[in-house]
Amino acid sequence: MRAGRASSRSVDTSSASEGDLTAPRDRGKVLGICVFLALATLLVFGQTIRHQFINYDDPEYVYANPMVTEGLTWNGVLWAFSHSYSRNWHPLTWISHMLDWQLYGLHPGGHHLTSVLLHGANAILLFLVLREMTRSLWASAFVASVFAIHPLRAESVAWISERKDVLSGLFFMLTLGAYVRYVRHPWSRMRYLTVLLLFACGLMSKAMLTTLPLLLLLLDYWPLERFAEEHAAGGPGRAGGRRFPVALRLIAEKVPLVALSAASSAVTVLAQGNAALPTGQLSLPARIENAVVSYVAYLGQMLYPVGLVIPYPYPGDGLPSWEVMLSLVVLVLLFAGAFLSRRRRPYLLVGWLWYVVMLVPVIGIVQVGAQARADRYTYLPQIGIYLLVAWTGADLCASSRARSRVVGLLATVVVAALMVCAAIQVSHWRDSLSLWSHSVAWSSGNTVAENNLAWLLATNPEASLRDGARAIQLAEEANRRAGGVEPSLMDTLAAAYAEGRRFTAAVEVAERAEKLAAARGDTSMALAIRMRLSLYQAGRPYREVP
């Protein structure tokens, strides 16, 4: 990796340089890198066009959602903006699913193709935006390459229900690009409105982007170096003949963006209010401990992306004290190192804070769901880590051709190895049976994975894929862990007993499950269980409709 004119400091984005994008030779390199990013994305994720829907969220988001299966209609658009279905308010994500249904119908390959194309576009845009901000060609290319093909991207790209990741990612990249253009002419209202509009679209795709205003302040520090100015340059910076300090002006500049984030956060809290776990069920200290460990766990998965599963179960007995303390020490040391190096290597602090800040909305302090963490949450935050690694490599290359060769070779090997690992990880998402089998094999105490695999083994319409004994084993373990009080888990156990020809046990469990579901006010589940109960009473197992 070559650092170009400057490895740790940015250059004036409005001036020409030897790495200027207008140079014919440089344009050729940029085009070649864009082609590589597109091809690498297709090589890793192109296999998904032969994949199926997954029985986890895909029914709710796509093929069993009556608003989506109507295609793109005015009623559907109004519904998307006026409802928080599935505990999320992301109207643009719903509209993208409707458009996919309009184009592809029930063919899952088309839905997968849209996600792959969006992800490929995100990788290319990330490269172009970083290149524009820093004028560093190869460091930007490395960041975009790792982002494009890291195995942790599998969940975001290969899972149709996670369309919100790649779609919000698109608006995230476009917002960054628009912000760079605005920085060149900071009093251009049209350019600022463009930033606001794209950011709003990102929030309407996934609310995780709420911390983007803070990220823009980080980018003001490096590589845009807007804090380096001594004073605001006239215009709105003047008040009563006095000049505002640059920092205050840059913060004030973000106020409209912060207002959008606040509004999005409020809507999200209202939408997910019933889904958020109360502190009585999961204490605040336990959430903080899990957050600390998760920050380090995500770094470990970045370096060694093996055994990636869905979901990662929350530790039932709590986390060991030594693991929490060790993780805290690692985080403190990493932050201290980045902070102390901020003058000579500002990219270390910016990259680290990019990672930390962008994970805040999903790190689990406000816990939604029972997962401890999720691969999909790393989609945008880990760009910060890739960035600090890439620019460290660029600095190493700056003064030595020999180092450049070694670092370049190492970067090539890393990207190639990640492509192979990612292709393998994506293959586990080809269908529900493969996904849940992999998750059960690579995790312990994974109630969600056990329950879903048991359901498939008990109710699959293909006889060759059913295994009653294994289904009973998995379902009993999941129910034991949950205390035998979850109607959805008991429903699976009843189906497993029926597949194993143990109809008396199936009837008994199904009757209890129906009563529990009705007591909780879940009438749709109670009706579904009652329908299956009638089959068990007649000595017949339940079969899913193909």
Protein backbone atom coordinates (compact mmCIF):
# COMPACT_ATOMS: atom_id res chain seq x y z
CA MET A 1 0.00 0.00 0.00
CA ARG A 2 1.36 3.42 -0.92
CA ALA A 3 0.36 6.42 1.09
CA GLY A 4 0.61 8.87 -1.80
CA ARG A 5 1.56 12.41 -0.84
CA ALA A 6 0.62 12.05 2.81
CA SER A 7 -0.06 8.95 4.84
CA SER A 8 -1.49 10.36 8.04
CA ARG A 9 -2.56 13.85 7.11
CA SER A 10 -5.08 14.80 4.49
CA VAL A 11 -4.61 17.20 1.63
CA ASP A 12 -6.79 20.02 0.39
CA THR A 13 -9.60 18.26 -1.44
CA SER A 14 -10.13 21.23 -3.67
CA SER A 15 -6.60 21.31 -5.01
CA ALA A 16 -4.76 19.16 -7.51
CA SER A 17 -2.14 16.63 -6.50
CA GLU A 18 -0.11 13.91 -8.08
CA GLY A 19 -2.92 11.51 -7.06
CA ASP A 20 -5.63 13.72 -8.51
CA LEU A 21 -8.57 11.77 -9.87
CA THR A 22 -8.37 13.80 -13.06
CA ALA A 23 -5.01 12.30 -14.00
CA PRO A 24 -5.50 9.68 -16.76
CA ARG A 25 -3.17 7.16 -15.11
CA ASP A 26 -4.92 7.53 -11.76
CA ARG A 27 -8.34 7.27 -13.35
CA GLY A 28 -7.30 3.92 -14.79
CA LYS A 29 -6.25 2.65 -11.36
CA VAL A 30 -9.46 3.88 -9.78
CA LEU A 31 -11.52 2.18 -12.47
CA GLY A 32 -9.55 -1.04 -12.07
CA ILE A 33 -10.10 -1.06 -8.31
CA CYS A 34 -13.82 -0.44 -8.77
CA VAL A 35 -14.00 -3.38 -11.19
CA PHE A 36 -12.11 -5.56 -8.71
CA LEU A 37 -14.50 -4.64 -5.89
CA ALA A 38 -17.49 -5.48 -8.07
CA LEU A 39 -16.02 -8.83 -9.17
CA ALA A 40 -14.90 -9.77 -5.65
CA THR A 41 -18.38 -9.06 -4.31
CA LEU A 42 -19.95 -11.20 -7.03
CA LEU A 43 -17.46 -14.04 -6.48
CA VAL A 44 -18.27 -14.22 -2.78
CA PHE A 45 -21.98 -13.38 -2.74
CA GLY A 46 -23.11 -14.28 -6.25
CA GLN A 47 -23.92 -17.79 -5.02
CA THR A 48 -26.89 -16.35 -3.11
CA ILE A 49 -28.97 -16.10 -6.30
CA ARG A 50 -29.37 -19.89 -5.91
CA HIS A 51 -30.22 -19.61 -2.20
CA GLN A 52 -33.68 -19.92 -0.66
CA PHE A 53 -35.62 -17.79 1.78
CA ILE A 54 -34.79 -18.42 5.45
CA ASN A 55 -37.53 -19.33 7.94
CA TYR A 56 -36.22 -16.68 10.36
CA ASP A 57 -37.75 -13.21 9.74
CA ASP A 58 -38.01 -13.75 5.95
CA PRO A 59 -41.70 -14.78 6.24
CA GLU A 60 -42.46 -11.69 8.31
CA TYR A 61 -40.46 -9.37 6.07
CA VAL A 62 -41.20 -10.79 2.64
CA TYR A 63 -43.20 -13.78 1.47
CA ALA A 64 -45.81 -13.94 4.27
CA ASN A 65 -46.24 -10.19 4.57
CA PRO A 66 -49.46 -9.23 2.73
CA MET A 67 -48.35 -5.61 2.25
CA VAL A 68 -45.09 -6.68 0.61
CA THR A 69 -46.67 -9.37 -1.56
CA GLU A 70 -48.97 -6.79 -3.14
CA GLY A 71 -45.90 -5.30 -4.78
CA LEU A 72 -45.25 -1.58 -5.01
CA THR A 73 -48.57 0.22 -4.47
CA TRP A 74 -49.65 3.55 -3.00
CA ASN A 75 -51.35 1.71 -0.15
CA GLY A 76 -48.12 -0.12 0.52
CA VAL A 77 -46.07 3.08 0.54
CA LEU A 78 -48.51 4.73 2.95
CA TRP A 79 -48.41 1.64 5.16
CA ALA A 80 -44.59 1.67 5.16
CA PHE A 81 -44.49 5.25 6.45
CA SER A 82 -47.33 4.93 8.94
CA HIS A 83 -46.64 1.57 10.62
CA SER A 84 -43.84 0.11 12.75
CA TYR A 85 -44.50 -3.46 11.67
CA SER A 86 -42.08 -6.05 13.07
CA ARG A 87 -41.04 -3.50 15.73
CA ASN A 88 -39.14 -1.35 13.23
CA TRP A 89 -39.87 1.89 11.45
CA HIS A 90 -37.85 1.73 8.24
CA PRO A 91 -40.20 2.72 5.39
CA LEU A 92 -37.55 2.76 2.66
CA THR A 93 -36.56 -0.79 3.54
CA TRP A 94 -40.18 -1.91 3.24
CA ILE A 95 -40.49 -0.13 -0.10
CA SER A 96 -37.36 -1.90 -1.38
CA HIS A 97 -38.92 -5.26 -0.46
CA MET A 98 -42.14 -4.27 -2.23
CA LEU A 99 -40.20 -3.29 -5.33
CA ASP A 100 -38.37 -6.63 -5.26
CA TRP A 101 -41.68 -8.48 -5.05
CA GLN A 102 -42.94 -6.42 -7.99
CA LEU A 103 -39.88 -7.50 -10.00
CA TYR A 104 -39.21 -11.06 -8.80
CA GLY A 105 -42.29 -12.31 -6.97
CA LEU A 106 -41.62 -15.43 -4.91
CA HIS A 107 -38.27 -16.14 -6.60
CA PRO A 108 -35.70 -15.68 -3.79
CA GLY A 109 -32.76 -15.33 -6.17
CA GLY A 110 -33.98 -11.94 -7.32
CA HIS A 111 -34.30 -10.64 -3.77
CA HIS A 112 -30.78 -11.87 -3.04
CA LEU A 113 -29.48 -10.23 -6.20
CA THR A 114 -30.72 -6.82 -5.07
CA SER A 115 -28.86 -7.17 -1.76
CA VAL A 116 -25.66 -8.22 -3.53
CA LEU A 117 -25.85 -5.28 -5.94
CA LEU A 118 -26.42 -2.85 -3.08
CA HIS A 119 -23.48 -4.26 -1.15
CA GLY A 120 -21.22 -4.07 -4.19
CA ALA A 121 -22.24 -0.45 -4.72
CA ASN A 122 -21.47 0.28 -1.06
CA ALA A 123 -17.96 -1.13 -1.38
CA ILE A 124 -17.25 0.95 -4.49
CA LEU A 125 -18.68 4.11 -2.93
CA LEU A 126 -16.63 3.56 0.23
CA PHE A 127 -13.47 3.37 -1.87
CA LEU A 128 -14.34 6.48 -3.85
CA VAL A 129 -15.28 8.51 -0.76
CA LEU A 130 -12.13 7.55 1.16
CA ARG A 131 -10.04 8.26 -1.93
CA GLU A 132 -11.66 11.66 -2.27
CA MET A 133 -11.11 12.52 1.40
CA THR A 134 -7.53 11.26 1.75
CA ARG A 135 -6.02 11.04 -1.75
CA SER A 136 -4.60 7.69 -0.66
CA LEU A 137 -5.39 5.18 -3.39
CA TRP A 138 -4.19 1.85 -2.04
CA ALA A 139 -5.15 2.35 1.60
CA SER A 140 -8.66 3.27 0.47
CA ALA A 141 -8.73 0.22 -1.79
CA PHE A 142 -7.71 -2.07 1.07
CA VAL A 143 -10.42 -0.73 3.39
CA ALA A 144 -13.09 -1.16 0.72
CA SER A 145 -11.85 -4.65 -0.20
CA VAL A 146 -11.98 -5.96 3.37
CA PHE A 147 -15.37 -4.33 3.86
CA ALA A 148 -16.65 -5.99 0.69
CA ILE A 149 -15.58 -9.57 1.36
CA HIS A 150 -15.12 -10.08 5.09
CA PRO A 151 -17.03 -13.16 6.35
CA LEU A 152 -18.84 -10.96 8.89
CA ARG A 153 -20.71 -9.42 5.93
CA ALA A 154 -22.50 -12.72 5.22
CA GLU A 155 -25.37 -12.09 7.61
CA SER A 156 -26.05 -8.61 6.22
CA VAL A 157 -25.86 -9.58 2.54
CA ALA A 158 -26.99 -13.22 2.37
CA TRP A 159 -30.03 -12.76 4.62
CA ILE A 160 -32.86 -11.11 2.70
CA SER A 161 -34.43 -9.76 5.89
CA GLU A 162 -31.28 -7.73 6.53
CA ARG A 163 -31.92 -5.56 3.48
CA LYS A 164 -31.92 -2.67 5.94
CA ASP A 165 -28.17 -3.10 6.45
CA VAL A 166 -27.15 -2.79 2.81
CA LEU A 167 -29.77 -0.14 2.00
CA SER A 168 -28.85 2.06 4.95
CA GLY A 169 -25.23 1.42 4.01
CA LEU A 170 -25.89 2.88 0.57
CA PHE A 171 -27.31 6.10 2.03
CA PHE A 172 -24.48 6.17 4.58
CA MET A 173 -21.88 6.16 1.80
CA LEU A 174 -23.83 8.72 -0.22
CA THR A 175 -24.11 10.96 2.85
CA LEU A 176 -20.35 10.82 3.36
CA GLY A 177 -19.78 11.66 -0.29
CA ALA A 178 -22.23 14.58 -0.15
CA TYR A 179 -20.57 15.81 3.04
CA VAL A 180 -17.15 15.90 1.37
CA ARG A 181 -18.65 18.00 -1.42
CA TYR A 182 -20.25 20.28 1.15
CA VAL A 183 -16.93 20.73 2.97
CA ARG A 184 -15.46 22.23 -0.20
CA HIS A 185 -18.18 24.92 -0.13
CA PRO A 186 -19.35 25.00 3.51
CA TRP A 187 -21.91 27.75 3.00
CA SER A 188 -23.70 26.05 0.12
CA ARG A 189 -27.27 25.52 1.31
CA MET A 190 -28.04 23.13 -1.52
CA ARG A 191 -25.10 20.88 -0.66
CA TYR A 192 -26.02 20.91 3.01
CA LEU A 193 -29.63 20.06 2.21
CA THR A 194 -28.34 17.17 0.11
CA VAL A 195 -26.46 15.86 3.16
CA LEU A 196 -29.62 16.19 5.27
CA LEU A 197 -31.80 14.45 2.70
CA LEU A 198 -29.45 11.50 2.23
CA PHE A 199 -29.02 11.14 5.99
CA ALA A 200 -32.79 11.14 6.45
CA CYS A 201 -33.07 8.40 3.83
CA GLY A 202 -30.46 6.40 5.72
CA LEU A 203 -32.41 6.73 8.97
CA MET A 204 -35.57 5.63 7.14
CA SER A 205 -33.67 2.51 6.07
CA LYS A 206 -32.21 1.63 9.48
CA ALA A 207 -32.09 3.74 12.62
CA MET A 208 -28.58 2.52 13.49
CA LEU A 209 -27.21 5.54 11.58
CA THR A 210 -28.18 7.88 14.44
CA THR A 211 -24.53 8.38 15.45
CA LEU A 212 -23.49 9.61 11.99
CA PRO A 213 -23.30 13.29 13.11
CA LEU A 214 -20.59 12.30 15.61
CA LEU A 215 -18.78 10.39 12.89
CA LEU A 216 -18.80 13.49 10.68
CA LEU A 217 -17.14 15.43 13.52
CA LEU A 218 -14.46 12.74 13.64
CA LEU A 219 -13.92 13.10 9.91
CA ASP A 220 -13.67 16.87 10.40
CA TYR A 221 -10.68 16.10 12.65
CA TRP A 222 -9.14 13.63 10.20
CA PRO A 223 -8.81 13.41 7.24
CA LEU A 224 -10.70 16.62 6.42
CA GLU A 225 -8.67 18.59 9.01
CA ARG A 226 -11.32 21.24 9.50
CA PHE A 227 -10.30 21.66 13.15
CA ALA A 228 -6.88 22.83 11.94
CA GLU A 229 -8.31 26.20 10.88
CA GLU A 230 -7.76 28.94 13.41
CA HIS A 231 -11.12 30.63 12.92
CA ALA A 232 -14.32 30.19 11.02
CA ALA A 233 -14.05 31.82 7.64
CA GLY A 234 -16.47 34.73 7.84
CA GLY A 235 -20.10 34.38 6.78
CA PRO A 236 -22.22 32.62 9.40
CA GLY A 237 -19.18 32.42 11.64
CA ARG A 238 -19.46 36.11 12.53
CA ALA A 239 -21.68 37.47 15.26
CA GLY A 240 -21.37 41.04 16.50
CA GLY A 241 -17.96 41.37 14.92
CA ARG A 242 -16.59 38.34 16.78
CA ARG A 243 -15.58 35.02 15.26
CA PHE A 244 -16.79 31.76 16.67
CA PRO A 245 -14.11 29.15 17.35
CA VAL A 246 -13.97 26.53 14.64
CA ALA A 247 -15.03 23.73 16.98
CA LEU A 248 -18.24 25.52 17.94
CA ARG A 249 -19.03 26.24 14.32
CA LEU A 250 -18.49 22.60 13.33
CA ILE A 251 -20.67 21.42 16.19
CA ALA A 252 -23.40 23.93 15.36
CA GLU A 253 -23.22 22.76 11.76
CA LYS A 254 -24.30 19.28 12.92
CA VAL A 255 -27.35 20.44 14.91
CA PRO A 256 -29.88 19.76 12.12
CA LEU A 257 -28.36 16.29 11.67
CA VAL A 258 -28.58 15.66 15.41
CA ALA A 259 -32.23 16.73 15.31
CA LEU A 260 -32.90 14.10 12.64
CA SER A 261 -31.11 11.51 14.79
CA ALA A 262 -33.16 12.46 17.83
CA ALA A 263 -36.41 12.18 15.89
CA SER A 264 -35.39 8.81 14.49
CA SER A 265 -34.39 7.57 17.95
CA ALA A 266 -37.75 8.63 19.39
CA VAL A 267 -39.64 6.80 16.65
CA THR A 268 -37.45 3.72 17.17
CA VAL A 269 -38.08 3.69 20.92
CA LEU A 270 -41.83 3.85 20.30
CA ALA A 271 -41.63 1.11 17.67
CA GLN A 272 -39.49 -1.23 19.76
CA GLY A 273 -40.94 -0.38 23.15
CA ASN A 274 -42.58 -3.77 23.64
CA ALA A 275 -39.56 -5.60 22.23
CA ALA A 276 -37.00 -4.01 24.57
CA LEU A 277 -36.19 -6.27 27.52
CA PRO A 278 -37.03 -4.71 30.90
CA THR A 279 -34.20 -4.19 33.39
CA GLY A 280 -35.89 -6.68 35.67
CA GLN A 281 -35.35 -9.38 33.06
CA LEU A 282 -31.83 -8.26 32.16
CA SER A 283 -30.10 -5.93 34.61
CA LEU A 284 -28.21 -2.82 33.52
CA PRO A 285 -24.88 -4.10 34.93
CA ALA A 286 -25.32 -7.32 32.92
CA ARG A 287 -25.95 -5.28 29.78
CA ILE A 288 -22.87 -3.14 30.36
CA GLU A 289 -20.73 -6.23 30.95
CA ASN A 290 -22.00 -7.80 27.74
CA ALA A 291 -21.34 -4.55 25.84
CA VAL A 292 -17.73 -4.45 27.03
CA VAL A 293 -17.14 -8.07 26.07
CA SER A 294 -18.93 -7.64 22.73
CA TYR A 295 -16.66 -4.78 21.65
CA VAL A 296 -13.67 -7.09 22.03
CA ALA A 297 -15.49 -10.15 20.67
CA TYR A 298 -16.24 -8.30 17.42
CA LEU A 299 -12.53 -7.53 17.07
CA GLY A 300 -11.72 -11.19 17.63
CA GLN A 301 -14.20 -12.24 14.97
CA MET A 302 -12.67 -9.72 12.58
CA LEU A 303 -9.25 -11.31 13.04
CA TYR A 304 -10.45 -14.93 13.19
CA PRO A 305 -13.83 -15.20 11.42
CA VAL A 306 -14.54 -18.85 12.18
CA GLY A 307 -17.65 -20.27 13.84
CA LEU A 308 -19.90 -17.34 12.93
CA VAL A 309 -23.49 -18.21 13.88
CA ILE A 310 -26.95 -16.74 14.30
CA PRO A 311 -27.83 -15.74 16.93
CA TYR A 312 -25.15 -15.55 19.62
CA PRO A 313 -27.06 -16.55 22.77
CA TYR A 314 -26.98 -14.32 25.80
CA PRO A 315 -25.01 -16.09 28.57
CA GLY A 316 -27.65 -17.48 30.89
CA ASP A 317 -25.43 -17.52 33.99
CA GLY A 318 -23.74 -14.22 33.24
CA LEU A 319 -20.24 -13.55 31.98
CA PRO A 320 -17.15 -14.58 33.96
CA SER A 321 -15.63 -11.64 35.84
CA TRP A 322 -12.20 -12.32 34.36
CA GLU A 323 -13.58 -12.05 30.81
CA VAL A 324 -15.25 -8.72 31.56
CA MET A 325 -12.13 -7.30 33.22
CA LEU A 326 -9.81 -8.54 30.48
CA SER A 327 -12.06 -7.04 27.82
CA LEU A 328 -12.17 -3.73 29.70
CA VAL A 329 -8.37 -3.65 29.94
CA VAL A 330 -8.07 -4.32 26.20
CA LEU A 331 -10.50 -1.50 25.38
CA VAL A 332 -8.74 0.97 27.69
CA LEU A 333 -5.31 0.12 26.27
CA LEU A 334 -6.51 0.44 22.68
CA PHE A 335 -8.14 3.79 23.37
CA ALA A 336 -5.10 5.05 25.28
CA GLY A 337 -2.77 4.06 22.46
CA ALA A 338 -4.95 5.76 19.85
CA PHE A 339 -5.36 8.91 21.96
CA LEU A 340 -1.65 9.28 22.75
CA SER A 341 -0.82 8.88 19.04
CA ARG A 342 -3.43 11.36 17.85
CA ARG A 343 -0.98 14.05 16.72
CA ARG A 344 1.34 11.88 14.66
CA ARG A 345 -1.25 9.30 13.61
CA PRO A 346 -4.73 10.85 13.88
CA TYR A 347 -6.24 8.00 11.87
CA LEU A 348 -5.77 5.69 14.87
CA LEU A 349 -8.06 7.74 17.08
CA VAL A 350 -10.58 8.41 14.31
CA GLY A 351 -10.71 4.76 13.26
CA TRP A 352 -11.10 3.53 16.82
CA LEU A 353 -13.83 6.04 17.69
CA TRP A 354 -15.60 5.28 14.38
CA TYR A 355 -15.85 1.67 15.57
CA VAL A 356 -16.91 2.50 19.13
CA VAL A 357 -19.39 5.26 18.31
CA MET A 358 -21.18 3.46 15.48
CA LEU A 359 -21.75 0.37 17.62
CA VAL A 360 -23.37 2.31 20.48
CA PRO A 361 -26.99 2.03 19.20
CA VAL A 362 -26.75 -1.78 18.95
CA ILE A 363 -24.26 -2.68 21.66
CA GLY A 364 -27.06 -3.83 23.98
CA ILE A 365 -27.45 -1.13 26.62
CA VAL A 366 -31.02 -0.90 25.32
CA GLN A 367 -31.49 -4.61 24.70
CA VAL A 368 -33.90 -5.72 21.97
CA GLY A 369 -34.10 -9.48 21.57
CA ALA A 370 -32.19 -12.19 23.38
CA GLN A 371 -28.96 -12.12 21.33
CA ALA A 372 -25.69 -11.10 22.96
CA ARG A 373 -24.40 -9.65 19.69
CA ALA A 374 -24.84 -10.14 15.95
CA ASP A 375 -22.55 -10.20 12.91
CA ARG A 376 -24.82 -7.77 11.09
CA TYR A 377 -24.07 -5.06 13.64
CA THR A 378 -20.47 -4.85 12.37
CA TYR A 379 -21.49 -3.87 8.82
CA LEU A 380 -20.54 -0.18 9.09
CA PRO A 381 -18.73 0.10 12.47
CA GLN A 382 -15.79 -2.12 11.56
CA ILE A 383 -14.86 0.16 8.67
CA GLY A 384 -13.13 2.22 11.36
CA ILE A 385 -10.86 -0.68 12.29
CA TYR A 386 -10.07 -1.42 8.64
CA LEU A 387 -9.21 2.25 8.22
CA LEU A 388 -6.71 2.41 11.07
CA VAL A 389 -5.07 -0.83 9.90
CA ALA A 390 -4.83 0.39 6.30
CA TRP A 391 -3.30 3.76 7.17
CA THR A 392 -0.85 2.13 9.58
CA GLY A 393 0.28 0.00 6.65
CA ALA A 394 0.46 3.09 4.45
CA ASP A 395 2.73 4.80 6.99
CA LEU A 396 5.00 1.76 7.07
CA CYS A 397 5.28 1.90 3.30
CA ALA A 398 6.00 5.62 3.11
CA SER A 399 9.76 5.44 3.65
CA SER A 400 10.75 2.04 2.27
CA ARG A 401 10.20 0.21 -1.01
CA ALA A 402 11.01 -3.09 0.68
CA ARG A 403 8.30 -2.49 3.27
CA SER A 404 5.89 -1.55 0.50
CA ARG A 405 6.41 -4.92 -1.17
CA VAL A 406 5.97 -6.83 2.10
CA VAL A 407 2.87 -4.88 3.15
CA GLY A 408 1.39 -5.13 -0.34
CA LEU A 409 1.93 -8.90 -0.40
CA LEU A 410 0.45 -9.28 3.08
CA ALA A 411 -2.59 -7.21 2.10
CA THR A 412 -3.12 -9.39 -0.98
CA VAL A 413 -2.91 -12.59 1.08
CA VAL A 414 -5.35 -11.21 3.66
CA VAL A 415 -7.93 -10.23 1.04
CA ALA A 416 -7.61 -13.59 -0.75
CA ALA A 417 -7.97 -15.55 2.51
CA LEU A 418 -11.00 -13.51 3.55
CA MET A 419 -12.65 -14.16 0.18
CA VAL A 420 -12.34 -17.91 0.68
CA CYS A 421 -13.62 -17.77 4.26
CA ALA A 422 -16.49 -15.49 3.26
CA ALA A 423 -17.57 -17.75 0.40
CA ILE A 424 -17.74 -20.67 2.84
CA GLN A 425 -19.68 -18.63 5.39
CA VAL A 426 -22.16 -17.44 2.75
CA SER A 427 -22.76 -21.05 1.68
CA HIS A 428 -24.21 -21.81 5.13
CA TRP A 429 -27.05 -19.40 4.29
CA ARG A 430 -28.26 -21.42 1.29
CA ASP A 431 -31.36 -22.64 3.15
CA SER A 432 -32.80 -22.85 6.64
CA LEU A 433 -31.65 -26.41 7.30
CA SER A 434 -28.03 -25.58 6.45
CA LEU A 435 -28.07 -22.36 8.47
CA TRP A 436 -29.49 -23.84 11.67
CA SER A 437 -27.39 -27.00 11.42
CA HIS A 438 -24.26 -24.84 11.23
CA SER A 439 -25.38 -22.64 14.13
CA VAL A 440 -26.15 -25.61 16.38
CA ALA A 441 -22.82 -27.24 15.51
CA TRP A 442 -20.77 -24.12 16.29
CA SER A 443 -22.53 -22.78 19.40
CA SER A 444 -23.76 -24.10 22.72
CA GLY A 445 -26.91 -23.09 24.53
CA ASN A 446 -28.34 -21.62 21.33
CA THR A 447 -32.06 -21.98 22.02
CA VAL A 448 -33.17 -20.16 18.87
CA ALA A 449 -31.02 -22.31 16.59
CA GLU A 450 -32.04 -25.54 18.35
CA ASN A 451 -35.71 -24.66 18.16
CA ASN A 452 -35.58 -23.75 14.47
CA LEU A 453 -33.60 -26.85 13.54
CA ALA A 454 -35.97 -29.06 15.55
CA TRP A 455 -38.95 -27.54 13.74
CA LEU A 456 -37.42 -28.24 10.35
CA LEU A 457 -36.50 -31.81 11.26
CA ALA A 458 -40.02 -32.44 12.57
CA THR A 459 -42.19 -30.72 9.95
CA ASN A 460 -40.22 -30.75 6.69
CA PRO A 461 -42.45 -31.93 3.81
CA GLU A 462 -39.52 -33.96 2.41
CA ALA A 463 -39.33 -37.28 4.24
CA SER A 464 -35.59 -37.63 3.61
CA LEU A 465 -34.93 -34.43 5.59
CA ARG A 466 -37.01 -35.32 8.65
CA ASP A 467 -35.47 -36.81 11.78
CA GLY A 468 -37.94 -37.22 14.63
CA ALA A 469 -35.46 -38.46 17.22
CA ARG A 470 -33.05 -35.58 16.62
CA ALA A 471 -35.94 -33.10 16.60
CA ILE A 472 -37.14 -34.36 20.00
CA GLN A 473 -33.62 -34.11 21.43
CA LEU A 474 -33.16 -30.52 20.27
CA ALA A 475 -36.67 -29.38 21.24
CA GLU A 476 -36.47 -30.90 24.71
CA GLU A 477 -33.13 -29.19 25.32
CA ALA A 478 -34.48 -25.82 24.14
CA ASN A 479 -37.57 -26.15 26.36
CA ARG A 480 -35.54 -27.23 29.37
CA ARG A 481 -33.31 -24.18 29.03
CA ALA A 482 -36.32 -21.84 28.69
CA GLY A 483 -38.10 -23.35 31.69
CA GLY A 484 -40.94 -24.88 29.69
CA VAL A 485 -42.96 -21.67 29.59
CA GLU A 486 -42.44 -20.44 26.01
CA PRO A 487 -45.40 -21.41 23.79
CA SER A 488 -43.38 -21.22 20.57
CA LEU A 489 -40.78 -23.66 21.93
CA MET A 490 -43.51 -25.95 23.26
CA ASP A 491 -45.21 -25.85 19.85
CA THR A 492 -41.98 -27.17 18.31
CA LEU A 493 -41.67 -29.86 20.97
CA ALA A 494 -45.23 -31.03 20.28
CA ALA A 495 -44.47 -31.23 16.54
CA ALA A 496 -41.30 -33.21 17.30
CA TYR A 497 -43.20 -35.68 19.50
CA ALA A 498 -45.78 -36.11 16.74
CA GLU A 499 -43.06 -36.82 14.17
CA GLY A 500 -41.67 -39.41 16.60
CA ARG A 501 -45.17 -41.00 16.80
CA ARG A 502 -45.52 -39.97 20.45
CA PHE A 503 -48.96 -38.44 19.96
CA THR A 504 -50.07 -38.55 23.61
CA ALA A 505 -47.09 -36.39 24.60
CA ALA A 506 -47.67 -34.16 21.57
CA VAL A 507 -51.28 -33.51 22.58
CA GLU A 508 -50.34 -32.78 26.19
CA VAL A 509 -47.60 -30.29 25.25
CA ALA A 510 -49.72 -28.63 22.54
CA GLU A 511 -52.62 -28.10 24.95
CA ARG A 512 -50.32 -26.35 27.44
CA ALA A 513 -48.76 -24.27 24.66
CA GLU A 514 -52.19 -23.14 23.43
CA LYS A 515 -53.23 -22.05 26.92
CA LEU A 516 -49.98 -20.12 27.43
CA ALA A 517 -50.31 -18.36 24.07
CA ALA A 518 -53.92 -17.42 24.78
CA ALA A 519 -53.02 -16.16 28.26
CA ARG A 520 -50.41 -13.87 26.70
CA GLY A 521 -52.94 -12.50 24.25
CA ASP A 522 -51.23 -14.06 21.22
CA THR A 523 -54.41 -15.24 19.52
CA SER A 524 -52.77 -15.99 16.16
CA MET A 525 -50.28 -18.37 17.76
CA ALA A 526 -53.01 -19.96 19.87
CA LEU A 527 -55.11 -20.61 16.75
CA ALA A 528 -52.14 -22.09 14.88
CA ILE A 529 -51.32 -24.41 17.79
CA ARG A 530 -54.97 -25.46 18.03
CA MET A 531 -54.97 -26.40 14.35
CA ARG A 532 -51.89 -28.57 14.85
CA LEU A 533 -53.37 -30.01 18.04
CA SER A 534 -56.31 -31.37 16.06
CA LEU A 535 -53.84 -33.26 13.84
CA TYR A 536 -52.06 -34.80 16.82
CA GLN A 537 -55.38 -35.86 18.33
CA ALA A 538 -56.13 -37.63 15.05
CA GLY A 539 -52.75 -39.38 15.15
CA ARG A 540 -51.21 -37.30 12.36
CA PRO A 541 -47.98 -35.24 12.43
CA TYR A 542 -47.85 -31.68 11.13
CA ARG A 543 -46.19 -30.87 7.80
CA GLU A 544 -45.10 -27.44 6.62
CA VAL A 545 -46.49 -26.32 3.28
CA PRO A 546 -43.64 -26.34 0.72
